[in-house]
């Protein structure tokens, strides 16, 4: 098993671009037992200009195993209007059965 540090994540998995912001998201299954469908929601934990700071927070949040949730880092450009096919996904999905 390979163990990564927050610095490893920032260095090897995220290619920073000038002016980018890095959002730390909590993705949570709000209906873990499948009652009445599926509800996966993404909550914004924080947004940072410094990738190292975002990676440290992401790493700390993922250090403890939590059932039915995970944390992710998403990149986006501030003060920028995305075209329809290029919009970052930061929300969730709900399917009621």
PDB file of N, CA and C in Angstrom:
ATOM      1  N   UNK A   1       0.838  -1.182   0.000  1.00  0.00           N
ATOM      2  CA  UNK A   1       0.000   0.000   0.000  1.00  0.00           C
ATOM      3  C   UNK A   1       0.885   1.249   0.000  1.00  0.00           C
ATOM      4  N   UNK A   2       0.582   2.169  -0.878  1.00  0.00           N
ATOM      5  CA  UNK A   2       1.332   3.413  -0.971  1.00  0.00           C
ATOM      6  C   UNK A   2       0.595   4.491  -0.193  1.00  0.00           C
ATOM      7  N   UNK A   3       1.297   5.184   0.669  1.00  0.00           N
ATOM      8  CA  UNK A   3       0.703   6.255   1.460  1.00  0.00           C
ATOM      9  C   UNK A   3       1.176   7.598   0.916  1.00  0.00           C
ATOM     10  N   UNK A   4       0.228   8.482   0.653  1.00  0.00           N
ATOM     11  CA  UNK A   4       0.539   9.806   0.140  1.00  0.00           C
ATOM     12  C   UNK A   4       0.354  10.844   1.237  1.00  0.00           C
ATOM     13  N   UNK A   5       1.153  11.884   1.174  1.00  0.00           N
ATOM     14  CA  UNK A   5       0.971  13.029   2.057  1.00  0.00           C
ATOM     15  C   UNK A   5       0.203  14.098   1.290  1.00  0.00           C
ATOM     16  N   UNK A   6      -0.213  15.130   1.985  1.00  0.00           N
ATOM     17  CA  UNK A   6      -0.904  16.235   1.309  1.00  0.00           C
ATOM     18  C   UNK A   6       0.009  16.880   0.271  1.00  0.00           C
ATOM     19  N   UNK A   7       1.286  16.983   0.574  1.00  0.00           N
ATOM     20  CA  UNK A   7       2.240  17.563  -0.383  1.00  0.00           C
ATOM     21  C   UNK A   7       2.347  16.698  -1.637  1.00  0.00           C
ATOM     22  N   UNK A   8       2.309  15.367  -1.468  1.00  0.00           N
ATOM     23  CA  UNK A   8       2.346  14.466  -2.622  1.00  0.00           C
ATOM     24  C   UNK A   8       1.145  14.694  -3.530  1.00  0.00           C
ATOM     25  N   UNK A   9      -0.013  14.835  -2.919  1.00  0.00           N
ATOM     26  CA  UNK A   9      -1.236  15.055  -3.698  1.00  0.00           C
ATOM     27  C   UNK A   9      -1.122  16.354  -4.481  1.00  0.00           C
ATOM     28  N   UNK A  10      -0.720  17.415  -3.811  1.00  0.00           N
ATOM     29  CA  UNK A  10      -0.587  18.711  -4.471  1.00  0.00           C
ATOM     30  C   UNK A  10       0.459  18.664  -5.577  1.00  0.00           C
ATOM     31  N   UNK A  11       1.521  17.897  -5.363  1.00  0.00           N
ATOM     32  CA  UNK A  11       2.630  17.867  -6.319  1.00  0.00           C
ATOM     33  C   UNK A  11       2.360  16.975  -7.526  1.00  0.00           C
ATOM     34  N   UNK A  12       1.771  15.801  -7.306  1.00  0.00           N
ATOM     35  CA  UNK A  12       1.668  14.804  -8.371  1.00  0.00           C
ATOM     36  C   UNK A  12       0.299  14.689  -9.037  1.00  0.00           C
ATOM     37  N   UNK A  13      -0.752  15.102  -8.367  1.00  0.00           N
ATOM     38  CA  UNK A  13      -2.082  14.863  -8.906  1.00  0.00           C
ATOM     39  C   UNK A  13      -2.827  16.112  -9.350  1.00  0.00           C
ATOM     40  N   UNK A  14      -2.350  17.279  -8.971  1.00  0.00           N
ATOM     41  CA  UNK A  14      -3.026  18.514  -9.340  1.00  0.00           C
ATOM     42  C   UNK A  14      -2.018  19.425 -10.005  1.00  0.00           C
ATOM     43  N   UNK A  15      -2.337  19.845 -11.212  1.00  0.00           N
ATOM     44  CA  UNK A  15      -1.448  20.748 -11.939  1.00  0.00           C
ATOM     45  C   UNK A  15      -1.991  22.167 -11.763  1.00  0.00           C
ATOM     46  N   UNK A  16      -1.349  22.960 -10.922  1.00  0.00           N
ATOM     47  CA  UNK A  16      -1.882  24.299 -10.665  1.00  0.00           C
ATOM     48  C   UNK A  16      -1.683  25.232 -11.854  1.00  0.00           C
ATOM     49  N   UNK A  17      -2.670  26.038 -12.084  1.00  0.00           N
ATOM     50  CA  UNK A  17      -2.574  27.090 -13.094  1.00  0.00           C
ATOM     51  C   UNK A  17      -2.697  28.419 -12.369  1.00  0.00           C
ATOM     52  N   UNK A  18      -2.053  29.423 -12.894  1.00  0.00           N
ATOM     53  CA  UNK A  18      -2.091  30.736 -12.256  1.00  0.00           C
ATOM     54  C   UNK A  18      -3.524  31.251 -12.191  1.00  0.00           C
ATOM     55  N   UNK A  19      -3.914  31.735 -11.016  1.00  0.00           N
ATOM     56  CA  UNK A  19      -5.230  32.312 -10.820  1.00  0.00           C
ATOM     57  C   UNK A  19      -6.322  31.314 -10.489  1.00  0.00           C
ATOM     58  N   UNK A  20      -6.004  30.017 -10.464  1.00  0.00           N
ATOM     59  CA  UNK A  20      -7.013  29.007 -10.168  1.00  0.00           C
ATOM     60  C   UNK A  20      -7.344  28.997  -8.683  1.00  0.00           C
ATOM     61  N   UNK A  21      -8.562  28.589  -8.371  1.00  0.00           N
ATOM     62  CA  UNK A  21      -8.972  28.340  -6.996  1.00  0.00           C
ATOM     63  C   UNK A  21      -9.204  26.850  -6.844  1.00  0.00           C
ATOM     64  N   UNK A  22      -8.994  26.372  -5.639  1.00  0.00           N
ATOM     65  CA  UNK A  22      -9.114  24.953  -5.350  1.00  0.00           C
ATOM     66  C   UNK A  22     -10.176  24.765  -4.280  1.00  0.00           C
ATOM     67  N   UNK A  23     -11.257  24.108  -4.645  1.00  0.00           N
ATOM     68  CA  UNK A  23     -12.370  23.895  -3.730  1.00  0.00           C
ATOM     69  C   UNK A  23     -12.250  22.525  -3.094  1.00  0.00           C
ATOM     70  N   UNK A  24     -12.408  22.473  -1.785  1.00  0.00           N
ATOM     71  CA  UNK A  24     -12.481  21.200  -1.060  1.00  0.00           C
ATOM     72  C   UNK A  24     -13.958  20.921  -0.842  1.00  0.00           C
ATOM     73  N   UNK A  25     -14.408  19.767  -1.353  1.00  0.00           N
ATOM     74  CA  UNK A  25     -15.813  19.393  -1.272  1.00  0.00           C
ATOM     75  C   UNK A  25     -16.008  18.157  -0.418  1.00  0.00           C
ATOM     76  N   UNK A  26     -17.097  18.134   0.317  1.00  0.00           N
ATOM     77  CA  UNK A  26     -17.535  16.936   1.017  1.00  0.00           C
ATOM     78  C   UNK A  26     -18.653  16.333   0.169  1.00  0.00           C
ATOM     79  N   UNK A  27     -18.453  15.109  -0.295  1.00  0.00           N
ATOM     80  CA  UNK A  27     -19.473  14.400  -1.071  1.00  0.00           C
ATOM     81  C   UNK A  27     -20.066  13.356  -0.143  1.00  0.00           C
ATOM     82  N   UNK A  28     -21.376  13.476   0.094  1.00  0.00           N
ATOM     83  CA  UNK A  28     -22.014  12.651   1.118  1.00  0.00           C
ATOM     84  C   UNK A  28     -23.265  11.959   0.580  1.00  0.00           C
ATOM     85  N   UNK A  29     -23.388  10.683   0.892  1.00  0.00           N
ATOM     86  CA  UNK A  29     -24.604   9.928   0.594  1.00  0.00           C
ATOM     87  C   UNK A  29     -25.573  10.192   1.732  1.00  0.00           C
ATOM     88  N   UNK A  30     -26.647  10.912   1.449  1.00  0.00           N
ATOM     89  CA  UNK A  30     -27.581  11.279   2.499  1.00  0.00           C
ATOM     90  C   UNK A  30     -28.683  10.240   2.704  1.00  0.00           C
ATOM     91  N   UNK A  31     -28.719   9.234   1.856  1.00  0.00           N
ATOM     92  CA  UNK A  31     -29.641   8.113   2.034  1.00  0.00           C
ATOM     93  C   UNK A  31     -28.841   6.816   1.949  1.00  0.00           C
ATOM     94  N   UNK A  32     -27.970   6.556   2.915  1.00  0.00           N
ATOM     95  CA  UNK A  32     -27.030   5.444   2.798  1.00  0.00           C
ATOM     96  C   UNK A  32     -27.672   4.067   2.732  1.00  0.00           C
ATOM     97  N   UNK A  33     -28.860   3.925   3.246  1.00  0.00           N
ATOM     98  CA  UNK A  33     -29.523   2.621   3.217  1.00  0.00           C
ATOM     99  C   UNK A  33     -30.427   2.474   2.006  1.00  0.00           C
ATOM    100  N   UNK A  34     -30.438   3.473   1.117  1.00  0.00           N
ATOM    101  CA  UNK A  34     -31.246   3.403  -0.093  1.00  0.00           C
ATOM    102  C   UNK A  34     -32.719   3.695   0.120  1.00  0.00           C
ATOM    103  N   UNK A  35     -33.075   4.212   1.290  1.00  0.00           N
ATOM    104  CA  UNK A  35     -34.475   4.499   1.553  1.00  0.00           C
ATOM    105  C   UNK A  35     -34.973   5.623   0.653  1.00  0.00           C
ATOM    106  N   UNK A  36     -36.014   5.347  -0.071  1.00  0.00           N
ATOM    107  CA  UNK A  36     -36.665   6.308  -0.956  1.00  0.00           C
ATOM    108  C   UNK A  36     -35.764   6.833  -2.064  1.00  0.00           C
ATOM    109  N   UNK A  37     -34.730   6.092  -2.457  1.00  0.00           N
ATOM    110  CA  UNK A  37     -33.919   6.498  -3.598  1.00  0.00           C
ATOM    111  C   UNK A  37     -32.473   6.789  -3.250  1.00  0.00           C
ATOM    112  N   UNK A  38     -31.883   7.699  -4.014  1.00  0.00           N
ATOM    113  CA  UNK A  38     -30.467   8.041  -3.875  1.00  0.00           C
ATOM    114  C   UNK A  38     -30.344   9.549  -3.708  1.00  0.00           C
ATOM    115  N   UNK A  39     -29.497   9.975  -2.811  1.00  0.00           N
ATOM    116  CA  UNK A  39     -29.227  11.403  -2.646  1.00  0.00           C
ATOM    117  C   UNK A  39     -27.749  11.591  -2.358  1.00  0.00           C
ATOM    118  N   UNK A  40     -26.980  11.916  -3.385  1.00  0.00           N
ATOM    119  CA  UNK A  40     -25.554  12.228  -3.245  1.00  0.00           C
ATOM    120  C   UNK A  40     -25.418  13.739  -3.355  1.00  0.00           C
ATOM    121  N   UNK A  41     -24.908  14.368  -2.326  1.00  0.00           N
ATOM    122  CA  UNK A  41     -24.794  15.812  -2.303  1.00  0.00           C
ATOM    123  C   UNK A  41     -23.348  16.220  -2.071  1.00  0.00           C
ATOM    124  N   UNK A  42     -22.946  17.320  -2.695  1.00  0.00           N
ATOM    125  CA  UNK A  42     -21.592  17.855  -2.532  1.00  0.00           C
ATOM    126  C   UNK A  42     -21.685  19.198  -1.819  1.00  0.00           C
ATOM    127  N   UNK A  43     -20.962  19.321  -0.715  1.00  0.00           N
ATOM    128  CA  UNK A  43     -20.942  20.549   0.075  1.00  0.00           C
ATOM    129  C   UNK A  43     -19.563  21.186   0.001  1.00  0.00           C
ATOM    130  N   UNK A  44     -19.532  22.488  -0.155  1.00  0.00           N
ATOM    131  CA  UNK A  44     -18.277  23.227  -0.200  1.00  0.00           C
ATOM    132  C   UNK A  44     -17.729  23.390   1.211  1.00  0.00           C
ATOM    133  N   UNK A  45     -16.546  22.827   1.454  1.00  0.00           N
ATOM    134  CA  UNK A  45     -15.884  22.955   2.745  1.00  0.00           C
ATOM    135  C   UNK A  45     -15.049  24.224   2.770  1.00  0.00           C
ATOM    136  N   UNK A  46     -14.344  24.504   1.675  1.00  0.00           N
ATOM    137  CA  UNK A  46     -13.520  25.703   1.588  1.00  0.00           C
ATOM    138  C   UNK A  46     -12.995  25.893   0.177  1.00  0.00           C
ATOM    139  N   UNK A  47     -12.577  27.101  -0.143  1.00  0.00           N
ATOM    140  CA  UNK A  47     -12.001  27.427  -1.450  1.00  0.00           C
ATOM    141  C   UNK A  47     -10.736  28.245  -1.215  1.00  0.00           C
ATOM    142  N   UNK A  48      -9.655  27.860  -1.898  1.00  0.00           N
ATOM    143  CA  UNK A  48      -8.347  28.440  -1.628  1.00  0.00           C
ATOM    144  C   UNK A  48      -7.610  28.751  -2.922  1.00  0.00           C
ATOM    145  N   UNK A  49      -6.802  29.798  -2.901  1.00  0.00           N
ATOM    146  CA  UNK A  49      -5.910  30.087  -4.016  1.00  0.00           C
ATOM    147  C   UNK A  49      -4.628  29.265  -3.920  1.00  0.00           C
ATOM    148  N   UNK A  50      -4.291  28.822  -2.731  1.00  0.00           N
ATOM    149  CA  UNK A  50      -3.062  28.064  -2.501  1.00  0.00           C
ATOM    150  C   UNK A  50      -3.368  26.570  -2.528  1.00  0.00           C
ATOM    151  N   UNK A  51      -2.823  25.854  -3.513  1.00  0.00           N
ATOM    152  CA  UNK A  51      -3.069  24.421  -3.647  1.00  0.00           C
ATOM    153  C   UNK A  51      -2.557  23.650  -2.443  1.00  0.00           C
ATOM    154  N   UNK A  52      -1.458  24.099  -1.857  1.00  0.00           N
ATOM    155  CA  UNK A  52      -0.913  23.406  -0.688  1.00  0.00           C
ATOM    156  C   UNK A  52      -1.878  23.470   0.494  1.00  0.00           C
ATOM    157  N   UNK A  53      -2.507  24.604   0.678  1.00  0.00           N
ATOM    158  CA  UNK A  53      -3.464  24.755   1.772  1.00  0.00           C
ATOM    159  C   UNK A  53      -4.683  23.870   1.534  1.00  0.00           C
ATOM    160  N   UNK A  54      -5.188  23.837   0.308  1.00  0.00           N
ATOM    161  CA  UNK A  54      -6.327  22.982  -0.025  1.00  0.00           C
ATOM    162  C   UNK A  54      -5.972  21.512   0.167  1.00  0.00           C
ATOM    163  N   UNK A  55      -4.769  21.121  -0.260  1.00  0.00           N
ATOM    164  CA  UNK A  55      -4.340  19.731  -0.127  1.00  0.00           C
ATOM    165  C   UNK A  55      -4.191  19.333   1.337  1.00  0.00           C
ATOM    166  N   UNK A  56      -3.696  20.234   2.182  1.00  0.00           N
ATOM    167  CA  UNK A  56      -3.561  19.933   3.612  1.00  0.00           C
ATOM    168  C   UNK A  56      -4.925  19.677   4.249  1.00  0.00           C
ATOM    169  N   UNK A  57      -5.890  20.512   3.927  1.00  0.00           N
ATOM    170  CA  UNK A  57      -7.233  20.345   4.486  1.00  0.00           C
ATOM    171  C   UNK A  57      -7.872  19.072   3.945  1.00  0.00           C
ATOM    172  N   UNK A  58      -7.742  18.837   2.646  1.00  0.00           N
ATOM    173  CA  UNK A  58      -8.275  17.617   2.035  1.00  0.00           C
ATOM    174  C   UNK A  58      -7.673  16.380   2.701  1.00  0.00           C
ATOM    175  N   UNK A  59      -6.364  16.390   2.879  1.00  0.00           N
ATOM    176  CA  UNK A  59      -5.667  15.253   3.470  1.00  0.00           C
ATOM    177  C   UNK A  59      -6.134  15.013   4.910  1.00  0.00           C
ATOM    178  N   UNK A  60      -6.260  16.073   5.690  1.00  0.00           N
ATOM    179  CA  UNK A  60      -6.701  15.945   7.080  1.00  0.00           C
ATOM    180  C   UNK A  60      -8.127  15.396   7.160  1.00  0.00           C
ATOM    181  N   UNK A  61      -9.004  15.856   6.280  1.00  0.00           N
ATOM    182  CA  UNK A  61     -10.384  15.378   6.290  1.00  0.00           C
ATOM    183  C   UNK A  61     -10.479  13.915   5.870  1.00  0.00           C
ATOM    184  N   UNK A  62      -9.643  13.487   4.929  1.00  0.00           N
ATOM    185  CA  UNK A  62      -9.666  12.099   4.466  1.00  0.00           C
ATOM    186  C   UNK A  62      -8.885  11.157   5.373  1.00  0.00           C
ATOM    187  N   UNK A  63      -8.140  11.677   6.333  1.00  0.00           N
ATOM    188  CA  UNK A  63      -7.326  10.829   7.207  1.00  0.00           C
ATOM    189  C   UNK A  63      -8.189   9.910   8.069  1.00  0.00           C
ATOM    190  N   UNK A  64      -9.373  10.354   8.383  1.00  0.00           N
ATOM    191  CA  UNK A  64     -10.272   9.566   9.218  1.00  0.00           C
ATOM    192  C   UNK A  64     -11.368   8.967   8.335  1.00  0.00           C
ATOM    193  N   UNK A  65     -11.496   7.638   8.374  1.00  0.00           N
ATOM    194  CA  UNK A  65     -12.513   6.951   7.572  1.00  0.00           C
ATOM    195  C   UNK A  65     -13.900   7.315   8.087  1.00  0.00           C
ATOM    196  N   UNK A  66     -14.723   7.844   7.208  1.00  0.00           N
ATOM    197  CA  UNK A  66     -16.091   8.201   7.567  1.00  0.00           C
ATOM    198  C   UNK A  66     -17.029   7.483   6.605  1.00  0.00           C
ATOM    199  N   UNK A  67     -17.990   6.731   7.128  1.00  0.00           N
ATOM    200  CA  UNK A  67     -18.886   6.006   6.227  1.00  0.00           C
ATOM    201  C   UNK A  67     -19.781   6.951   5.428  1.00  0.00           C
ATOM    202  N   UNK A  68     -19.999   6.586   4.187  1.00  0.00           N
ATOM    203  CA  UNK A  68     -20.938   7.271   3.301  1.00  0.00           C
ATOM    204  C   UNK A  68     -20.521   8.689   2.919  1.00  0.00           C
ATOM    205  N   UNK A  69     -19.240   9.012   3.042  1.00  0.00           N
ATOM    206  CA  UNK A  69     -18.788  10.315   2.580  1.00  0.00           C
ATOM    207  C   UNK A  69     -17.324  10.262   2.184  1.00  0.00           C
ATOM    208  N   UNK A  70     -16.949  11.197   1.318  1.00  0.00           N
ATOM    209  CA  UNK A  70     -15.554  11.356   0.925  1.00  0.00           C
ATOM    210  C   UNK A  70     -15.325  12.838   0.655  1.00  0.00           C
ATOM    211  N   UNK A  71     -14.063  13.208   0.554  1.00  0.00           N
ATOM    212  CA  UNK A  71     -13.706  14.598   0.288  1.00  0.00           C
ATOM    213  C   UNK A  71     -12.917  14.659  -1.006  1.00  0.00           C
ATOM    214  N   UNK A  72     -13.152  15.696  -1.795  1.00  0.00           N
ATOM    215  CA  UNK A  72     -12.502  15.865  -3.088  1.00  0.00           C
ATOM    216  C   UNK A  72     -11.977  17.279  -3.223  1.00  0.00           C
ATOM    217  N   UNK A  73     -11.037  17.453  -4.155  1.00  0.00           N
ATOM    218  CA  UNK A  73     -10.565  18.789  -4.526  1.00  0.00           C
ATOM    219  C   UNK A  73     -10.985  19.027  -5.964  1.00  0.00           C
ATOM    220  N   UNK A  74     -11.617  20.149  -6.203  1.00  0.00           N
ATOM    221  CA  UNK A  74     -11.993  20.551  -7.553  1.00  0.00           C
ATOM    222  C   UNK A  74     -11.361  21.905  -7.842  1.00  0.00           C
ATOM    223  N   UNK A  75     -10.940  22.100  -9.077  1.00  0.00           N
ATOM    224  CA  UNK A  75     -10.324  23.364  -9.487  1.00  0.00           C
ATOM    225  C   UNK A  75     -11.336  24.197 -10.266  1.00  0.00           C
ATOM    226  N   UNK A  76     -11.250  25.503 -10.104  1.00  0.00           N
ATOM    227  CA  UNK A  76     -12.069  26.394 -10.918  1.00  0.00           C
ATOM    228  C   UNK A  76     -11.400  27.754 -11.026  1.00  0.00           C
ATOM    229  N   UNK A  77     -11.796  28.480 -12.058  1.00  0.00           N
ATOM    230  CA  UNK A  77     -11.269  29.830 -12.277  1.00  0.00           C
ATOM    231  C   UNK A  77     -12.243  30.843 -11.692  1.00  0.00           C
ATOM    232  N   UNK A  78     -11.773  31.728 -10.818  1.00  0.00           N
ATOM    233  CA  UNK A  78     -12.657  32.788 -10.327  1.00  0.00           C
ATOM    234  C   UNK A  78     -12.834  33.881 -11.376  1.00  0.00           C
ATOM    235  N   UNK A  79     -13.933  34.607 -11.282  1.00  0.00           N
ATOM    236  CA  UNK A  79     -14.243  35.705 -12.207  1.00  0.00           C
ATOM    237  C   UNK A  79     -14.201  35.244 -13.656  1.00  0.00           C
ATOM    238  N   UNK A  80     -14.799  34.085 -13.907  1.00  0.00           N
ATOM    239  CA  UNK A  80     -14.757  33.477 -15.230  1.00  0.00           C
ATOM    240  C   UNK A  80     -16.112  32.843 -15.514  1.00  0.00           C
ATOM    241  N   UNK A  81     -16.632  33.056 -16.713  1.00  0.00           N
ATOM    242  CA  UNK A  81     -17.906  32.468 -17.117  1.00  0.00           C
ATOM    243  C   UNK A  81     -17.611  31.232 -17.963  1.00  0.00           C
ATOM    244  N   UNK A  82     -17.996  30.073 -17.455  1.00  0.00           N
ATOM    245  CA  UNK A  82     -17.750  28.817 -18.163  1.00  0.00           C
ATOM    246  C   UNK A  82     -18.777  28.601 -19.269  1.00  0.00           C
ATOM    247  N   UNK A  83     -18.331  28.024 -20.380  1.00  0.00           N
ATOM    248  CA  UNK A  83     -19.232  27.628 -21.455  1.00  0.00           C
ATOM    249  C   UNK A  83     -20.049  26.428 -20.983  1.00  0.00           C
ATOM    250  N   UNK A  84     -21.167  26.189 -21.621  1.00  0.00           N
ATOM    251  CA  UNK A  84     -22.094  25.143 -21.179  1.00  0.00           C
ATOM    252  C   UNK A  84     -21.430  23.772 -21.043  1.00  0.00           C
ATOM    253  N   UNK A  85     -20.569  23.384 -21.948  1.00  0.00           N
ATOM    254  CA  UNK A  85     -19.950  22.076 -21.897  1.00  0.00           C
ATOM    255  C   UNK A  85     -18.709  21.988 -21.025  1.00  0.00           C
ATOM    256  N   UNK A  86     -18.304  23.108 -20.410  1.00  0.00           N
ATOM    257  CA  UNK A  86     -17.067  23.144 -19.625  1.00  0.00           C
ATOM    258  C   UNK A  86     -17.294  23.452 -18.145  1.00  0.00           C
ATOM    259  N   UNK A  87     -18.521  23.434 -17.699  1.00  0.00           N
ATOM    260  CA  UNK A  87     -18.825  23.813 -16.312  1.00  0.00           C
ATOM    261  C   UNK A  87     -18.418  22.718 -15.336  1.00  0.00           C
ATOM    262  N   UNK A  88     -17.692  23.085 -14.266  1.00  0.00           N
ATOM    263  CA  UNK A  88     -17.291  22.084 -13.273  1.00  0.00           C
ATOM    264  C   UNK A  88     -18.511  21.578 -12.506  1.00  0.00           C
ATOM    265  N   UNK A  89     -18.535  20.288 -12.202  1.00  0.00           N
ATOM    266  CA  UNK A  89     -19.616  19.693 -11.436  1.00  0.00           C
ATOM    267  C   UNK A  89     -19.293  19.828  -9.952  1.00  0.00           C
ATOM    268  N   UNK A  90     -20.115  20.547  -9.214  1.00  0.00           N
ATOM    269  CA  UNK A  90     -19.896  20.711  -7.782  1.00  0.00           C
ATOM    270  C   UNK A  90     -21.145  20.405  -6.957  1.00  0.00           C
ATOM    271  N   UNK A  91     -22.181  19.891  -7.581  1.00  0.00           N
ATOM    272  CA  UNK A  91     -23.422  19.658  -6.863  1.00  0.00           C
ATOM    273  C   UNK A  91     -23.674  18.169  -6.667  1.00  0.00           C
ATOM    274  N   UNK A  92     -24.906  17.812  -6.407  1.00  0.00           N
ATOM    275  CA  UNK A  92     -25.253  16.427  -6.161  1.00  0.00           C
ATOM    276  C   UNK A  92     -26.397  15.972  -7.047  1.00  0.00           C
ATOM    277  N   UNK A  93     -26.855  14.771  -6.784  1.00  0.00           N
ATOM    278  CA  UNK A  93     -27.946  14.192  -7.546  1.00  0.00           C
ATOM    279  C   UNK A  93     -28.916  13.519  -6.580  1.00  0.00           C
ATOM    280  N   UNK A  94     -30.195  13.649  -6.866  1.00  0.00           N
ATOM    281  CA  UNK A  94     -31.227  13.010  -6.057  1.00  0.00           C
ATOM    282  C   UNK A  94     -32.166  12.249  -6.967  1.00  0.00           C
ATOM    283  N   UNK A  95     -32.454  11.020  -6.611  1.00  0.00           N
ATOM    284  CA  UNK A  95     -33.378  10.189  -7.373  1.00  0.00           C
ATOM    285  C   UNK A  95     -34.348   9.570  -6.383  1.00  0.00           C
ATOM    286  N   UNK A  96     -35.601   9.975  -6.431  1.00  0.00           N
ATOM    287  CA  UNK A  96     -36.615   9.449  -5.530  1.00  0.00           C
ATOM    288  C   UNK A  96     -37.345   8.305  -6.237  1.00  0.00           C
ATOM    289  N   UNK A  97     -37.431   7.184  -5.537  1.00  0.00           N
ATOM    290  CA  UNK A  97     -38.111   6.018  -6.122  1.00  0.00           C
ATOM    291  C   UNK A  97     -39.495   5.869  -5.574  1.00  0.00           C
TER     292      UNK A  97
END
